[in-house]
Protein backbone atom coordinates (compact mmCIF):
# COMPACT_ATOMS: atom_id res chain seq x y z
CA UNK A 1 44.58 0.13 -27.74
CA UNK A 2 47.66 2.26 -27.32
CA UNK A 3 49.58 2.04 -24.04
CA UNK A 4 51.46 4.94 -22.45
CA UNK A 5 54.09 4.85 -19.70
CA UNK A 6 53.21 6.57 -16.44
CA UNK A 7 55.47 8.39 -13.99
CA UNK A 8 55.22 8.33 -10.21
CA UNK A 9 52.28 5.93 -9.86
CA UNK A 10 51.69 2.28 -9.00
CA UNK A 11 50.17 1.74 -12.46
CA UNK A 12 53.09 1.39 -14.87
CA UNK A 13 51.07 1.92 -18.04
CA UNK A 14 47.66 3.17 -19.09
CA UNK A 15 46.02 2.02 -22.30
CA UNK A 16 43.33 4.06 -24.01
CA UNK A 17 41.05 3.92 -27.00
CA UNK A 18 39.57 7.26 -28.07
CA UNK A 19 37.25 7.65 -31.03
CA UNK A 20 35.74 10.96 -32.13
CA UNK A 21 36.95 12.60 -28.89
CA UNK A 22 35.07 10.03 -26.76
CA UNK A 23 36.71 7.52 -24.39
CA UNK A 24 35.88 4.02 -25.60
CA UNK A 25 38.14 2.06 -23.25
CA UNK A 26 40.79 2.58 -20.55
CA UNK A 27 43.02 -0.11 -19.09
CA UNK A 28 45.47 0.37 -16.23
CA UNK A 29 48.49 -1.96 -15.94
CA UNK A 30 49.13 -2.16 -12.21
CA UNK A 31 47.68 0.15 -9.60
CA UNK A 32 44.80 -0.49 -7.21
CA UNK A 33 42.81 -3.11 -9.11
CA UNK A 34 39.30 -2.26 -7.96
CA UNK A 35 39.81 1.50 -8.16
CA UNK A 36 41.32 1.42 -11.64
CA UNK A 37 38.62 -0.93 -12.95
CA UNK A 38 35.93 1.29 -11.46
CA UNK A 39 37.49 4.42 -12.92
CA UNK A 40 37.82 2.79 -16.35
CA UNK A 41 34.15 1.82 -16.25
CA UNK A 42 33.02 5.32 -15.27
CA UNK A 43 35.06 6.97 -18.02
CA UNK A 44 33.55 4.97 -20.89
CA UNK A 45 31.54 7.29 -23.13
CA UNK A 46 32.93 10.52 -21.65
CA UNK A 47 34.42 13.32 -23.72
CA UNK A 48 38.20 13.68 -23.52
CA UNK A 49 38.03 17.31 -22.34
CA UNK A 50 35.62 16.44 -19.54
CA UNK A 51 37.91 13.64 -18.31
CA UNK A 52 40.95 15.94 -18.38
CA UNK A 53 39.08 18.60 -16.40
CA UNK A 54 37.84 16.16 -13.76
CA UNK A 55 41.05 14.14 -13.27
CA UNK A 56 43.92 16.61 -13.64
CA UNK A 57 45.94 17.48 -10.53
CA UNK A 58 44.54 14.65 -8.38
CA UNK A 59 47.26 13.40 -6.03
CA UNK A 60 47.71 10.05 -4.29
CA UNK A 61 48.82 10.07 -0.66
CA UNK A 62 52.15 11.93 -0.55
CA UNK A 63 52.79 11.65 -4.30
CA UNK A 64 52.43 14.74 -6.48
CA UNK A 65 50.43 12.73 -9.05
CA UNK A 66 48.03 9.76 -9.27
CA UNK A 67 46.71 7.26 -11.79
CA UNK A 68 43.81 9.60 -12.68
CA UNK A 69 46.21 12.55 -13.04
CA UNK A 70 48.51 10.50 -15.28
CA UNK A 71 45.54 9.57 -17.47
CA UNK A 72 44.58 13.27 -17.74
CA UNK A 73 48.14 14.08 -18.84
CA UNK A 74 48.11 11.29 -21.43
CA UNK A 75 44.81 12.52 -22.84
CA UNK A 76 45.95 16.14 -22.87
CA UNK A 77 49.21 15.33 -24.68
CA UNK A 78 47.82 12.83 -27.19
CA UNK A 79 44.11 13.39 -27.78
CA UNK A 80 43.43 17.10 -27.45
């Protein structure tokens, strides 16, 4: 699993495993525990492009980004 630093979120890092353009595992370091575990579970088996499309530009409260948005950016920059 490779971990990536996040910016502007409670989660400080997000780890991902992608194989053949499919999400195998996601792990959030920090953030809202139940929400990040639930999100990680839902994403297993999804295509990278589908995850990017669904999660990009989601904001959290008054922040211009969110944990899902940061994951979309990580995927876009590293697995596209």
